[in-house]
Protein backbone atom coordinates (compact mmCIF):
# COMPACT_ATOMS: atom_id res chain seq x y z
CA MET A 1 64.57 26.25 105.99
CA SER A 2 62.74 25.41 109.20
CA ARG A 3 59.44 26.57 107.68
CA MET A 4 59.88 24.14 104.82
CA VAL A 5 60.48 21.25 107.22
CA LEU A 6 57.39 22.22 109.25
CA VAL A 7 55.24 22.33 106.08
CA ILE A 8 56.43 18.89 104.98
CA VAL A 9 55.85 17.40 108.44
CA ALA A 10 52.36 18.96 108.57
CA VAL A 11 51.44 17.53 105.14
CA VAL A 12 52.68 14.06 106.13
CA CYS A 13 50.72 14.20 109.41
CA ILE A 14 47.53 15.31 107.65
CA ALA A 15 47.92 12.52 105.08
CA PHE A 16 48.48 9.97 107.87
CA VAL A 17 45.43 11.11 109.84
CA GLY A 18 43.34 11.17 106.65
CA GLY A 19 44.40 7.62 105.81
CA ILE A 20 43.46 6.37 109.26
CA ALA A 21 40.09 8.16 109.05
CA SER A 22 39.35 6.68 105.62
CA LEU A 23 39.96 3.16 106.96
CA GLY A 24 37.52 3.76 109.80
CA LEU A 25 37.76 5.35 113.18
CA SER A 26 35.85 2.71 115.14
CA GLY A 27 37.79 0.21 117.20
CA HIS A 28 35.44 -2.74 116.80
CA ALA A 29 35.24 -5.21 113.95
CA PRO A 30 32.60 -4.64 111.28
CA VAL A 31 29.31 -6.49 111.72
CA PRO A 32 28.78 -9.17 109.07
CA GLN A 33 25.83 -8.48 106.82
CA PRO A 34 23.18 -11.17 106.10
CA VAL A 35 24.07 -11.63 102.45
CA HIS A 36 24.92 -15.34 102.68
CA ARG A 37 21.57 -16.74 103.65
CA ASP A 38 19.95 -19.96 102.55
CA ILE A 39 17.90 -19.68 99.38
CA PRO A 40 14.74 -21.82 99.35
CA GLN A 41 14.77 -24.38 96.56
CA GLN A 42 12.00 -26.24 94.79
CA ALA A 43 11.14 -29.77 95.78
CA PRO A 44 12.85 -32.34 93.54
CA GLN A 45 10.68 -33.38 90.63
CA GLN A 46 9.77 -36.98 89.91
CA ALA A 47 11.96 -38.67 87.33
CA VAL A 48 10.33 -39.20 83.95
CA GLN A 49 9.73 -42.90 83.42
CA ALA A 50 10.68 -44.56 80.16
CA PRO A 51 7.80 -45.74 77.97
CA THR A 52 6.81 -49.35 78.63
CA THR A 53 6.04 -50.18 74.99
CA PRO A 54 9.09 -50.91 72.84
CA VAL A 55 9.85 -48.42 70.10
CA PRO A 56 9.77 -50.06 66.64
CA PRO A 57 13.08 -49.94 64.77
CA PRO A 58 13.39 -47.42 61.95
CA PRO A 59 12.73 -48.67 58.40
CA PRO A 60 15.77 -50.03 56.63
CA ALA A 61 17.69 -47.66 54.42
CA PRO A 62 17.35 -48.19 50.65
CA LEU A 63 20.18 -50.20 49.18
CA VAL A 64 22.33 -48.49 46.59
CA THR A 65 23.66 -50.76 43.86
CA PRO A 66 26.90 -49.68 42.23
CA LEU A 67 26.96 -49.17 38.47
CA SER A 68 28.44 -52.12 36.64
CA PRO A 69 31.28 -51.32 34.25
CA ALA A 70 30.65 -51.56 30.51
CA PRO A 71 31.32 -54.96 28.97
CA GLN A 72 34.79 -55.37 27.50
CA GLY A 73 33.71 -56.16 23.93
CA ALA A 74 31.17 -53.36 23.51
CA PRO A 75 32.32 -50.46 21.29
CA VAL A 76 32.20 -46.99 22.76
CA THR A 77 30.25 -44.57 20.60
CA PRO A 78 31.11 -40.88 20.97
CA ALA A 79 28.36 -38.38 21.43
CA PRO A 80 27.46 -36.37 18.34
CA ALA A 81 29.23 -33.05 18.17
CA ALA A 82 27.13 -29.92 18.04
CA HIS A 83 28.04 -27.57 15.17
């Protein structure tokens, strides 16, 4: 029984020491790496100026006239039937 307790205590101690070693054995804080440095940017470009001459308006759209209904007194002739 005492051997079993010693084996369990040894495994727990080895796991504890391994966990501490995996986190790092040094006592000082890690040194920050220079990954957040300023990136040089291009100089701002000049704004494009609007043309000084006025743009002519587009041509007017063609007008569509609706079909007028057939006069009331005109007889309706059926189309000839194909035989």
